[in-house]
Amino acid sequence: MPRLLLALLALLPLARPAASQEAFPNRPIQIIYPYSGGGGIDALGRTLAAGMTPRLGQPVVIINREGAAGGIGTAAAARAPADGYTLVFAPALVVTVLPFSTQGGTPYSLESFTPLCQTFENVMTLAVHPASRFQSLAQLVAEARANPGRLTYGTLGIGSIPHLAAAEFERVAGIALQHIPFRGDSAMLVELSQGRIELGPTVLGSVAGKDVRLLAIFHARRHPAFPQVPTAQEQGYPVAPRSFGGLLAPAGTPAPLLARLEAACAASAAEPAYREAAARAFQSEDYYANATEYGRRLHEDVAVKAAQVRRLDLGR
């Protein structure tokens, strides 16, 4: 009997983590969105979280923690315990661009996270005030060349994909613009609609319902929702930055928890509510990718974006 009791006691440390994982989740899960609320991707995150809630049996809530082009909230998620209760919903740039473009780097890297699912892929655009004098990129470029550094544009921060798009456009066009970073797309678009800045590179999903006019689409082809808006490439400026993103968990999160979270994400992203939200945010139909494919795309994007960051001056 003593030997049997000892054997059972020896098994208890092994049984406890398994039991704990089987019970997951037993309290609310928070998803950090590292930007301010009100934008198109914030709305997608909230719709995704709402769909995950009944599948996990616990509230799944979005927490906005903006700053440093997404770096502050992402760093907080990287520091969180790897227990499945803190995730980050963000564009890939927070792990594929910011570690290279931020002065001094970031306290995390792609290896600080485990991909769960990709749930959005953005198309970028260049917006102007409805009464803007610019009717084409050629007109914009002509004025920028005549007045270097005078035209202002806003983005959600240094190193963001909108900033990369604008910086790449400057390089290709041979012009210099003045960059003004904001804490999010919503704040930037307010300034643009009030005429306090002149240009607003942003994602298509953020311009829905806003009082702005689109000057160009930064993509290989025109967007079906805006067939009248030419691409930058059509206008002679081959700029088409890649922007996608989704859910990440802190590295070291146990595999059974990752599997539950990925399954909940996949089911939520496939339901009508999310598809309708994706359509409103002008997403392509193939916005979803599983954990394996999402991870492959993230690692590929690191190499692409690192090369781009090296050839662009992002400190302006």
C-alpha atoms as a PDB file:
ATOM      1  CA  MET A   1       0.000   0.000   0.000  1.00  0.00           C
ATOM      2  CA  PRO A   2       2.745   2.594   0.769  1.00  0.00           C
ATOM      3  CA  ARG A   3       4.368   1.842  -2.607  1.00  0.00           C
ATOM      4  CA  LEU A   4       1.032   2.325  -4.401  1.00  0.00           C
ATOM      5  CA  LEU A   5       0.434   5.616  -2.565  1.00  0.00           C
ATOM      6  CA  LEU A   6       3.901   6.877  -3.502  1.00  0.00           C
ATOM      7  CA  ALA A   7       3.301   5.944  -7.118  1.00  0.00           C
ATOM      8  CA  LEU A   8       0.025   7.870  -7.158  1.00  0.00           C
ATOM      9  CA  LEU A   9       1.620  10.903  -5.522  1.00  0.00           C
ATOM     10  CA  ALA A  10       4.399  10.833  -8.117  1.00  0.00           C
ATOM     11  CA  LEU A  11       1.830  11.105 -10.894  1.00  0.00           C
ATOM     12  CA  LEU A  12       0.043  14.122  -9.421  1.00  0.00           C
ATOM     13  CA  PRO A  13       2.468  16.821 -10.719  1.00  0.00           C
ATOM     14  CA  LEU A  14       2.009  15.383 -14.208  1.00  0.00           C
ATOM     15  CA  ALA A  15      -1.771  15.297 -13.932  1.00  0.00           C
ATOM     16  CA  ARG A  16      -2.271  18.853 -12.697  1.00  0.00           C
ATOM     17  CA  PRO A  17      -1.105  20.744 -15.815  1.00  0.00           C
ATOM     18  CA  ALA A  18      -3.177  18.454 -18.045  1.00  0.00           C
ATOM     19  CA  ALA A  19      -6.254  19.007 -15.901  1.00  0.00           C
ATOM     20  CA  SER A  20      -5.610  22.735 -15.928  1.00  0.00           C
ATOM     21  CA  GLN A  21      -5.355  22.769 -19.723  1.00  0.00           C
ATOM     22  CA  GLU A  22      -8.526  20.691 -20.075  1.00  0.00           C
ATOM     23  CA  ALA A  23     -10.367  23.287 -17.975  1.00  0.00           C
ATOM     24  CA  PHE A  24      -9.132  26.162 -20.142  1.00  0.00           C
ATOM     25  CA  PRO A  25     -10.527  28.740 -20.176  1.00  0.00           C
ATOM     26  CA  ASN A  26     -12.032  29.307 -16.765  1.00  0.00           C
ATOM     27  CA  ARG A  27     -11.903  33.118 -16.811  1.00  0.00           C
ATOM     28  CA  PRO A  28     -12.145  35.921 -19.413  1.00  0.00           C
ATOM     29  CA  ILE A  29      -9.580  36.162 -22.212  1.00  0.00           C
ATOM     30  CA  GLN A  30      -8.237  39.558 -23.231  1.00  0.00           C
ATOM     31  CA  ILE A  31      -7.047  40.396 -26.729  1.00  0.00           C
ATOM     32  CA  ILE A  32      -4.809  43.442 -26.916  1.00  0.00           C
ATOM     33  CA  TYR A  33      -5.348  45.618 -29.989  1.00  0.00           C
ATOM     34  CA  PRO A  34      -2.277  47.879 -29.927  1.00  0.00           C
ATOM     35  CA  TYR A  35      -3.989  50.894 -31.500  1.00  0.00           C
ATOM     36  CA  SER A  36      -6.847  53.225 -30.620  1.00  0.00           C
ATOM     37  CA  GLY A  37     -10.440  52.170 -31.145  1.00  0.00           C
ATOM     38  CA  GLY A  38     -12.741  53.205 -33.935  1.00  0.00           C
ATOM     39  CA  GLY A  39     -10.832  51.961 -36.981  1.00  0.00           C
ATOM     40  CA  GLY A  40     -11.779  49.213 -39.392  1.00  0.00           C
ATOM     41  CA  ILE A  41      -9.371  46.633 -37.969  1.00  0.00           C
ATOM     42  CA  ASP A  42     -10.481  47.413 -34.407  1.00  0.00           C
ATOM     43  CA  ALA A  43     -14.035  46.593 -35.535  1.00  0.00           C
ATOM     44  CA  LEU A  44     -12.848  43.309 -37.054  1.00  0.00           C
ATOM     45  CA  GLY A  45     -11.124  42.397 -33.794  1.00  0.00           C
ATOM     46  CA  ARG A  46     -14.274  43.036 -31.790  1.00  0.00           C
ATOM     47  CA  THR A  47     -16.351  40.947 -34.177  1.00  0.00           C
ATOM     48  CA  LEU A  48     -13.806  38.133 -33.985  1.00  0.00           C
ATOM     49  CA  ALA A  49     -13.780  38.268 -30.177  1.00  0.00           C
ATOM     50  CA  ALA A  50     -17.587  38.186 -30.054  1.00  0.00           C
ATOM     51  CA  GLY A  51     -17.598  35.050 -32.198  1.00  0.00           C
ATOM     52  CA  MET A  52     -14.930  33.352 -30.088  1.00  0.00           C
ATOM     53  CA  THR A  53     -16.784  33.989 -26.808  1.00  0.00           C
ATOM     54  CA  PRO A  54     -19.491  31.278 -27.112  1.00  0.00           C
ATOM     55  CA  ARG A  55     -16.983  28.794 -28.533  1.00  0.00           C
ATOM     56  CA  LEU A  56     -14.671  29.172 -25.542  1.00  0.00           C
ATOM     57  CA  GLY A  57     -17.383  29.565 -22.922  1.00  0.00           C
ATOM     58  CA  GLN A  58     -15.801  32.693 -21.455  1.00  0.00           C
ATOM     59  CA  PRO A  59     -15.894  36.388 -22.404  1.00  0.00           C
ATOM     60  CA  VAL A  60     -13.269  37.349 -24.986  1.00  0.00           C
ATOM     61  CA  VAL A  61     -12.688  41.096 -24.885  1.00  0.00           C
ATOM     62  CA  ILE A  62     -10.645  43.592 -26.911  1.00  0.00           C
ATOM     63  CA  ILE A  63      -8.363  45.919 -24.951  1.00  0.00           C
ATOM     64  CA  ASN A  64      -7.040  49.000 -26.785  1.00  0.00           C
ATOM     65  CA  ARG A  65      -3.481  49.812 -25.776  1.00  0.00           C
ATOM     66  CA  GLU A  66      -2.108  52.204 -28.334  1.00  0.00           C
ATOM     67  CA  GLY A  67       1.230  53.916 -28.805  1.00  0.00           C
ATOM     68  CA  ALA A  68       4.562  53.605 -30.652  1.00  0.00           C
ATOM     69  CA  ALA A  69       2.874  52.436 -33.894  1.00  0.00           C
ATOM     70  CA  GLY A  70       1.605  49.356 -32.064  1.00  0.00           C
ATOM     71  CA  GLY A  71       4.770  48.583 -30.139  1.00  0.00           C
ATOM     72  CA  ILE A  72       3.482  49.367 -26.638  1.00  0.00           C
ATOM     73  CA  GLY A  73       0.518  47.006 -26.694  1.00  0.00           C
ATOM     74  CA  THR A  74       2.499  44.295 -28.478  1.00  0.00           C
ATOM     75  CA  ALA A  75       5.265  44.486 -25.869  1.00  0.00           C
ATOM     76  CA  ALA A  76       2.647  44.107 -23.128  1.00  0.00           C
ATOM     77  CA  ALA A  77       1.319  40.962 -24.814  1.00  0.00           C
ATOM     78  CA  ALA A  78       4.846  39.564 -25.163  1.00  0.00           C
ATOM     79  CA  ARG A  79       5.386  40.020 -21.409  1.00  0.00           C
ATOM     80  CA  ALA A  80       2.094  38.355 -20.491  1.00  0.00           C
ATOM     81  CA  PRO A  81       2.078  34.815 -19.052  1.00  0.00           C
ATOM     82  CA  ALA A  82       1.918  32.143 -21.762  1.00  0.00           C
ATOM     83  CA  ASP A  83      -1.355  30.780 -20.400  1.00  0.00           C
ATOM     84  CA  GLY A  84      -3.752  31.592 -23.244  1.00  0.00           C
ATOM     85  CA  TYR A  85      -5.487  34.426 -21.390  1.00  0.00           C
ATOM     86  CA  THR A  86      -3.678  37.310 -23.121  1.00  0.00           C
ATOM     87  CA  LEU A  87      -3.400  37.495 -26.914  1.00  0.00           C
ATOM     88  CA  VAL A  88      -2.620  40.252 -29.397  1.00  0.00           C
ATOM     89  CA  PHE A  89      -4.634  41.108 -32.509  1.00  0.00           C
ATOM     90  CA  ALA A  90      -2.531  43.225 -34.814  1.00  0.00           C
ATOM     91  CA  PRO A  91      -1.107  43.748 -38.277  1.00  0.00           C
ATOM     92  CA  ALA A  92       2.047  41.790 -39.041  1.00  0.00           C
ATOM     93  CA  LEU A  93       4.102  44.980 -38.913  1.00  0.00           C
ATOM     94  CA  VAL A  94       4.284  44.867 -35.105  1.00  0.00           C
ATOM     95  CA  VAL A  95       6.574  41.821 -35.378  1.00  0.00           C
ATOM     96  CA  THR A  96       7.947  42.145 -38.928  1.00  0.00           C
ATOM     97  CA  VAL A  97       8.708  45.891 -39.088  1.00  0.00           C
ATOM     98  CA  LEU A  98       8.890  47.529 -35.651  1.00  0.00           C
ATOM     99  CA  PRO A  99      11.791  45.389 -34.351  1.00  0.00           C
ATOM    100  CA  PHE A 100      13.878  46.809 -37.240  1.00  0.00           C
ATOM    101  CA  SER A 101      12.479  50.326 -37.628  1.00  0.00           C
ATOM    102  CA  THR A 102      12.195  51.411 -33.999  1.00  0.00           C
ATOM    103  CA  GLN A 103      15.245  53.184 -32.625  1.00  0.00           C
ATOM    104  CA  GLY A 104      16.900  50.746 -30.242  1.00  0.00           C
ATOM    105  CA  GLY A 105      14.632  47.935 -31.408  1.00  0.00           C
ATOM    106  CA  THR A 106      11.700  46.490 -29.478  1.00  0.00           C
ATOM    107  CA  PRO A 107      11.720  44.317 -26.334  1.00  0.00           C
ATOM    108  CA  TYR A 108      10.208  41.497 -28.399  1.00  0.00           C
ATOM    109  CA  SER A 109      10.559  39.821 -31.805  1.00  0.00           C
ATOM    110  CA  LEU A 110       8.549  37.455 -33.971  1.00  0.00           C
ATOM    111  CA  GLU A 111       9.967  34.619 -31.868  1.00  0.00           C
ATOM    112  CA  SER A 112       8.234  36.113 -28.819  1.00  0.00           C
ATOM    113  CA  PHE A 113       4.908  34.915 -30.227  1.00  0.00           C
ATOM    114  CA  THR A 114       3.156  31.877 -31.660  1.00  0.00           C
ATOM    115  CA  PRO A 115       0.825  32.547 -34.626  1.00  0.00           C
ATOM    116  CA  LEU A 116      -2.789  31.466 -34.131  1.00  0.00           C
ATOM    117  CA  CYS A 117      -4.643  32.626 -37.242  1.00  0.00           C
ATOM    118  CA  GLN A 118      -4.598  35.317 -39.891  1.00  0.00           C
ATOM    119  CA  THR A 119      -7.956  37.062 -40.162  1.00  0.00           C
ATOM    120  CA  PHE A 120      -7.376  40.161 -42.290  1.00  0.00           C
ATOM    121  CA  GLU A 121      -5.415  41.436 -45.277  1.00  0.00           C
ATOM    122  CA  ASN A 122      -5.464  45.152 -45.948  1.00  0.00           C
ATOM    123  CA  VAL A 123      -5.289  47.215 -49.099  1.00  0.00           C
ATOM    124  CA  MET A 124      -3.714  50.636 -48.651  1.00  0.00           C
ATOM    125  CA  THR A 125      -4.943  53.902 -50.119  1.00  0.00           C
ATOM    126  CA  LEU A 126      -3.946  57.554 -50.247  1.00  0.00           C
ATOM    127  CA  ALA A 127      -6.777  59.784 -49.055  1.00  0.00           C
ATOM    128  CA  VAL A 128      -7.157  63.541 -49.348  1.00  0.00           C
ATOM    129  CA  HIS A 129      -9.709  66.125 -48.247  1.00  0.00           C
ATOM    130  CA  PRO A 130     -12.812  66.093 -50.497  1.00  0.00           C
ATOM    131  CA  ALA A 131     -11.982  69.641 -51.656  1.00  0.00           C
ATOM    132  CA  SER A 132      -8.275  68.909 -52.142  1.00  0.00           C
ATOM    133  CA  ARG A 133      -6.682  70.553 -55.161  1.00  0.00           C
ATOM    134  CA  PHE A 134      -5.012  67.259 -56.015  1.00  0.00           C
ATOM    135  CA  GLN A 135      -6.852  65.145 -58.583  1.00  0.00           C
ATOM    136  CA  SER A 136      -3.960  62.785 -59.362  1.00  0.00           C
ATOM    137  CA  LEU A 137      -0.584  61.677 -58.055  1.00  0.00           C
ATOM    138  CA  ALA A 138       1.054  63.604 -60.901  1.00  0.00           C
ATOM    139  CA  GLN A 139      -0.370  66.875 -59.564  1.00  0.00           C
ATOM    140  CA  LEU A 140       0.733  65.975 -56.048  1.00  0.00           C
ATOM    141  CA  VAL A 141       4.257  65.082 -57.210  1.00  0.00           C
ATOM    142  CA  ALA A 142       4.578  68.304 -59.211  1.00  0.00           C
ATOM    143  CA  GLU A 143       3.738  70.445 -56.168  1.00  0.00           C
ATOM    144  CA  ALA A 144       5.943  68.360 -53.868  1.00  0.00           C
ATOM    145  CA  ARG A 145       8.897  68.862 -56.198  1.00  0.00           C
ATOM    146  CA  ALA A 146       8.267  72.588 -56.339  1.00  0.00           C
ATOM    147  CA  ASN A 147       7.963  72.799 -52.529  1.00  0.00           C
ATOM    148  CA  PRO A 148      10.117  70.060 -50.925  1.00  0.00           C
ATOM    149  CA  GLY A 149       9.001  69.103 -47.419  1.00  0.00           C
ATOM    150  CA  ARG A 150       5.963  71.403 -47.407  1.00  0.00           C
ATOM    151  CA  LEU A 151       3.150  68.898 -48.016  1.00  0.00           C
ATOM    152  CA  THR A 152       2.072  67.066 -44.860  1.00  0.00           C
ATOM    153  CA  TYR A 153       0.810  63.529 -44.443  1.00  0.00           C
ATOM    154  CA  GLY A 154      -0.319  61.655 -41.351  1.00  0.00           C
ATOM    155  CA  THR A 155      -0.104  58.013 -40.322  1.00  0.00           C
ATOM    156  CA  LEU A 156      -0.688  55.971 -37.195  1.00  0.00           C
ATOM    157  CA  GLY A 157       3.048  56.034 -36.441  1.00  0.00           C
ATOM    158  CA  ILE A 158       6.632  55.642 -37.618  1.00  0.00           C
ATOM    159  CA  GLY A 159       7.187  52.161 -39.037  1.00  0.00           C
ATOM    160  CA  SER A 160       3.493  51.506 -39.667  1.00  0.00           C
ATOM    161  CA  ILE A 161       2.509  50.108 -43.062  1.00  0.00           C
ATOM    162  CA  PRO A 162       0.891  53.448 -44.065  1.00  0.00           C
ATOM    163  CA  HIS A 163       4.206  55.116 -43.199  1.00  0.00           C
ATOM    164  CA  LEU A 164       6.111  52.531 -45.244  1.00  0.00           C
ATOM    165  CA  ALA A 165       3.739  53.116 -48.152  1.00  0.00           C
ATOM    166  CA  ALA A 166       4.249  56.877 -48.029  1.00  0.00           C
ATOM    167  CA  ALA A 167       8.014  56.567 -47.626  1.00  0.00           C
ATOM    168  CA  GLU A 168       8.189  54.165 -50.568  1.00  0.00           C
ATOM    169  CA  PHE A 169       6.066  56.567 -52.633  1.00  0.00           C
ATOM    170  CA  GLU A 170       8.466  59.405 -51.758  1.00  0.00           C
ATOM    171  CA  ARG A 171      11.415  57.289 -52.853  1.00  0.00           C
ATOM    172  CA  VAL A 172       9.839  56.178 -56.136  1.00  0.00           C
ATOM    173  CA  ALA A 173       8.557  59.668 -56.986  1.00  0.00           C
ATOM    174  CA  GLY A 174      11.733  61.446 -55.904  1.00  0.00           C
ATOM    175  CA  ILE A 175       9.948  63.830 -53.533  1.00  0.00           C
ATOM    176  CA  ALA A 176      10.061  64.834 -49.878  1.00  0.00           C
ATOM    177  CA  LEU A 177       6.933  65.098 -47.727  1.00  0.00           C
ATOM    178  CA  GLN A 178       6.503  66.017 -44.069  1.00  0.00           C
ATOM    179  CA  HIS A 179       5.379  63.104 -41.878  1.00  0.00           C
ATOM    180  CA  ILE A 180       3.123  63.706 -38.860  1.00  0.00           C
ATOM    181  CA  PRO A 181       2.509  60.587 -36.737  1.00  0.00           C
ATOM    182  CA  PHE A 182      -0.755  60.118 -34.826  1.00  0.00           C
ATOM    183  CA  ARG A 183      -1.922  57.567 -32.268  1.00  0.00           C
ATOM    184  CA  GLY A 184      -4.295  55.890 -34.700  1.00  0.00           C
ATOM    185  CA  ASP A 185      -6.069  56.062 -38.056  1.00  0.00           C
ATOM    186  CA  SER A 186      -9.165  57.679 -36.550  1.00  0.00           C
ATOM    187  CA  ALA A 187      -7.237  60.651 -35.178  1.00  0.00           C
ATOM    188  CA  MET A 188      -5.362  61.082 -38.458  1.00  0.00           C
ATOM    189  CA  LEU A 189      -8.561  60.975 -40.547  1.00  0.00           C
ATOM    190  CA  VAL A 190     -10.184  63.639 -38.351  1.00  0.00           C
ATOM    191  CA  GLU A 191      -7.233  65.945 -39.047  1.00  0.00           C
ATOM    192  CA  LEU A 192      -7.412  65.136 -42.757  1.00  0.00           C
ATOM    193  CA  SER A 193     -11.159  65.787 -42.986  1.00  0.00           C
ATOM    194  CA  GLN A 194     -10.639  69.124 -41.194  1.00  0.00           C
ATOM    195  CA  GLY A 195      -7.921  70.111 -43.657  1.00  0.00           C
ATOM    196  CA  ARG A 196      -5.147  70.333 -41.069  1.00  0.00           C
ATOM    197  CA  ILE A 197      -3.022  67.805 -42.967  1.00  0.00           C
ATOM    198  CA  GLU A 198      -3.048  67.286 -46.710  1.00  0.00           C
ATOM    199  CA  LEU A 199      -2.494  63.574 -47.293  1.00  0.00           C
ATOM    200  CA  GLY A 200      -3.583  60.429 -45.453  1.00  0.00           C
ATOM    201  CA  PRO A 201      -2.097  57.067 -46.425  1.00  0.00           C
ATOM    202  CA  THR A 202      -4.218  54.463 -44.638  1.00  0.00           C
ATOM    203  CA  VAL A 203      -6.044  51.160 -45.007  1.00  0.00           C
ATOM    204  CA  LEU A 204      -9.240  51.064 -47.041  1.00  0.00           C
ATOM    205  CA  GLY A 205     -11.179  49.735 -44.057  1.00  0.00           C
ATOM    206  CA  SER A 206     -10.543  52.938 -42.119  1.00  0.00           C
ATOM    207  CA  VAL A 207     -11.981  55.327 -44.718  1.00  0.00           C
ATOM    208  CA  ALA A 208     -15.486  53.833 -44.743  1.00  0.00           C
ATOM    209  CA  GLY A 209     -17.962  56.579 -43.887  1.00  0.00           C
ATOM    210  CA  LYS A 210     -15.238  59.217 -43.552  1.00  0.00           C
ATOM    211  CA  ASP A 211     -15.356  62.592 -45.298  1.00  0.00           C
ATOM    212  CA  VAL A 212     -12.335  62.008 -47.544  1.00  0.00           C
ATOM    213  CA  ARG A 213     -11.590  61.372 -51.220  1.00  0.00           C
ATOM    214  CA  LEU A 214      -9.290  58.615 -52.494  1.00  0.00           C
ATOM    215  CA  LEU A 215      -6.430  59.643 -54.768  1.00  0.00           C
ATOM    216  CA  ALA A 216      -4.840  56.233 -55.358  1.00  0.00           C
ATOM    217  CA  ILE A 217      -4.922  52.586 -54.341  1.00  0.00           C
ATOM    218  CA  PHE A 218      -1.582  51.090 -53.265  1.00  0.00           C
ATOM    219  CA  HIS A 219      -2.165  47.676 -54.792  1.00  0.00           C
ATOM    220  CA  ALA A 220      -1.475  45.672 -57.930  1.00  0.00           C
ATOM    221  CA  ARG A 221      -5.049  46.193 -59.182  1.00  0.00           C
ATOM    222  CA  ARG A 222      -8.060  48.399 -58.558  1.00  0.00           C
ATOM    223  CA  HIS A 223     -10.336  47.512 -55.682  1.00  0.00           C
ATOM    224  CA  PRO A 224     -13.843  46.317 -56.672  1.00  0.00           C
ATOM    225  CA  ALA A 225     -15.431  48.583 -54.049  1.00  0.00           C
ATOM    226  CA  PHE A 226     -13.700  51.629 -55.595  1.00  0.00           C
ATOM    227  CA  PRO A 227     -13.435  50.853 -59.306  1.00  0.00           C
ATOM    228  CA  GLN A 228     -13.087  54.539 -60.177  1.00  0.00           C
ATOM    229  CA  VAL A 229      -9.907  54.992 -58.104  1.00  0.00           C
ATOM    230  CA  PRO A 230      -6.719  54.198 -60.064  1.00  0.00           C
ATOM    231  CA  THR A 231      -3.810  52.362 -58.506  1.00  0.00           C
ATOM    232  CA  ALA A 232      -0.545  54.144 -57.823  1.00  0.00           C
ATOM    233  CA  GLN A 233       1.028  51.786 -60.328  1.00  0.00           C
ATOM    234  CA  GLU A 234      -1.400  52.908 -63.050  1.00  0.00           C
ATOM    235  CA  GLN A 235      -0.311  56.475 -62.339  1.00  0.00           C
ATOM    236  CA  GLY A 236       3.346  55.589 -62.778  1.00  0.00           C
ATOM    237  CA  TYR A 237       4.375  54.844 -59.174  1.00  0.00           C
ATOM    238  CA  PRO A 238       4.774  51.096 -58.413  1.00  0.00           C
ATOM    239  CA  VAL A 239       3.973  51.115 -54.703  1.00  0.00           C
ATOM    240  CA  ALA A 240       1.967  48.181 -53.282  1.00  0.00           C
ATOM    241  CA  PRO A 241       2.861  47.451 -49.633  1.00  0.00           C
ATOM    242  CA  ARG A 242       1.734  44.164 -48.128  1.00  0.00           C
ATOM    243  CA  SER A 243      -0.366  44.370 -44.971  1.00  0.00           C
ATOM    244  CA  PHE A 244      -1.997  41.442 -43.170  1.00  0.00           C
ATOM    245  CA  GLY A 245      -2.503  40.307 -39.618  1.00  0.00           C
ATOM    246  CA  GLY A 246      -4.450  38.381 -37.035  1.00  0.00           C
ATOM    247  CA  LEU A 247      -4.069  36.692 -33.654  1.00  0.00           C
ATOM    248  CA  LEU A 248      -0.807  35.889 -31.869  1.00  0.00           C
ATOM    249  CA  ALA A 249      -0.209  34.193 -28.507  1.00  0.00           C
ATOM    250  CA  PRO A 250       2.871  34.593 -26.301  1.00  0.00           C
ATOM    251  CA  ALA A 251       5.563  32.032 -27.129  1.00  0.00           C
ATOM    252  CA  GLY A 252       5.465  29.018 -24.865  1.00  0.00           C
ATOM    253  CA  THR A 253       1.678  28.787 -24.676  1.00  0.00           C
ATOM    254  CA  PRO A 254       0.876  25.044 -24.315  1.00  0.00           C
ATOM    255  CA  ALA A 255      -0.151  23.275 -27.518  1.00  0.00           C
ATOM    256  CA  PRO A 256      -3.604  22.168 -26.250  1.00  0.00           C
ATOM    257  CA  LEU A 257      -4.479  25.784 -25.454  1.00  0.00           C
ATOM    258  CA  LEU A 258      -3.222  26.957 -28.832  1.00  0.00           C
ATOM    259  CA  ALA A 259      -5.380  24.325 -30.525  1.00  0.00           C
ATOM    260  CA  ARG A 260      -8.516  25.514 -28.697  1.00  0.00           C
ATOM    261  CA  LEU A 261      -7.800  29.154 -29.493  1.00  0.00           C
ATOM    262  CA  GLU A 262      -7.040  28.482 -33.151  1.00  0.00           C
ATOM    263  CA  ALA A 263     -10.230  26.421 -33.548  1.00  0.00           C
ATOM    264  CA  ALA A 264     -12.298  29.210 -31.966  1.00  0.00           C
ATOM    265  CA  CYS A 265     -10.642  31.794 -34.205  1.00  0.00           C
ATOM    266  CA  ALA A 266     -11.228  29.727 -37.350  1.00  0.00           C
ATOM    267  CA  ALA A 267     -14.905  29.191 -36.536  1.00  0.00           C
ATOM    268  CA  SER A 268     -15.473  32.857 -35.686  1.00  0.00           C
ATOM    269  CA  ALA A 269     -13.702  34.105 -38.833  1.00  0.00           C
ATOM    270  CA  ALA A 270     -15.909  31.835 -40.986  1.00  0.00           C
ATOM    271  CA  GLU A 271     -19.291  32.874 -39.579  1.00  0.00           C
ATOM    272  CA  PRO A 272     -21.576  35.403 -41.332  1.00  0.00           C
ATOM    273  CA  ALA A 273     -21.043  38.187 -38.768  1.00  0.00           C
ATOM    274  CA  TYR A 274     -17.300  38.248 -39.394  1.00  0.00           C
ATOM    275  CA  ARG A 275     -17.652  37.898 -43.159  1.00  0.00           C
ATOM    276  CA  GLU A 276     -20.016  40.874 -43.188  1.00  0.00           C
ATOM    277  CA  ALA A 277     -17.590  42.916 -41.056  1.00  0.00           C
ATOM    278  CA  ALA A 278     -14.742  41.926 -43.389  1.00  0.00           C
ATOM    279  CA  ALA A 279     -16.765  43.071 -46.401  1.00  0.00           C
ATOM    280  CA  ARG A 280     -17.436  46.419 -44.700  1.00  0.00           C
ATOM    281  CA  ALA A 281     -13.683  46.730 -44.107  1.00  0.00           C
ATOM    282  CA  PHE A 282     -13.031  46.009 -47.810  1.00  0.00           C
ATOM    283  CA  GLN A 283     -11.197  42.765 -47.110  1.00  0.00           C
ATOM    284  CA  SER A 284     -10.432  40.244 -49.844  1.00  0.00           C
ATOM    285  CA  GLU A 285     -12.320  36.946 -49.713  1.00  0.00           C
ATOM    286  CA  ASP A 286      -9.171  35.004 -48.765  1.00  0.00           C
ATOM    287  CA  TYR A 287      -8.448  36.976 -45.602  1.00  0.00           C
ATOM    288  CA  TYR A 288      -8.113  33.822 -43.432  1.00  0.00           C
ATOM    289  CA  ALA A 289      -5.050  31.602 -43.008  1.00  0.00           C
ATOM    290  CA  ASN A 290      -4.423  28.893 -40.408  1.00  0.00           C
ATOM    291  CA  ALA A 291      -1.586  28.978 -37.899  1.00  0.00           C
ATOM    292  CA  THR A 292       0.915  27.170 -40.138  1.00  0.00           C
ATOM    293  CA  GLU A 293       0.327  29.364 -43.190  1.00  0.00           C
ATOM    294  CA  TYR A 294       0.151  32.521 -41.075  1.00  0.00           C
ATOM    295  CA  GLY A 295       3.499  31.671 -39.490  1.00  0.00           C
ATOM    296  CA  ARG A 296       5.068  31.055 -42.910  1.00  0.00           C
ATOM    297  CA  ARG A 297       3.826  34.413 -44.179  1.00  0.00           C
ATOM    298  CA  LEU A 298       5.121  36.222 -41.086  1.00  0.00           C
ATOM    299  CA  HIS A 299       8.626  34.782 -41.461  1.00  0.00           C
ATOM    300  CA  GLU A 300       8.614  35.662 -45.158  1.00  0.00           C
ATOM    301  CA  ASP A 301       7.462  39.196 -44.367  1.00  0.00           C
ATOM    302  CA  VAL A 302      10.332  39.733 -41.914  1.00  0.00           C
ATOM    303  CA  ALA A 303      12.854  39.383 -44.732  1.00  0.00           C
ATOM    304  CA  VAL A 304      10.854  41.589 -47.107  1.00  0.00           C
ATOM    305  CA  LYS A 305      10.223  44.366 -44.598  1.00  0.00           C
ATOM    306  CA  ALA A 306      13.771  44.324 -43.167  1.00  0.00           C
ATOM    307  CA  ALA A 307      15.112  45.006 -46.661  1.00  0.00           C
ATOM    308  CA  GLN A 308      12.581  47.808 -47.145  1.00  0.00           C
ATOM    309  CA  VAL A 309      13.378  49.405 -43.793  1.00  0.00           C
ATOM    310  CA  ARG A 310      17.095  49.379 -44.659  1.00  0.00           C
ATOM    311  CA  ARG A 311      16.572  51.336 -47.879  1.00  0.00           C
ATOM    312  CA  LEU A 312      14.088  53.858 -46.476  1.00  0.00           C
ATOM    313  CA  ASP A 313      14.749  56.690 -44.068  1.00  0.00           C
ATOM    314  CA  LEU A 314      12.052  56.046 -41.459  1.00  0.00           C
ATOM    315  CA  GLY A 315      13.317  58.484 -38.888  1.00  0.00           C
ATOM    316  CA  ARG A 316      11.678  61.502 -40.517  1.00  0.00           C
END
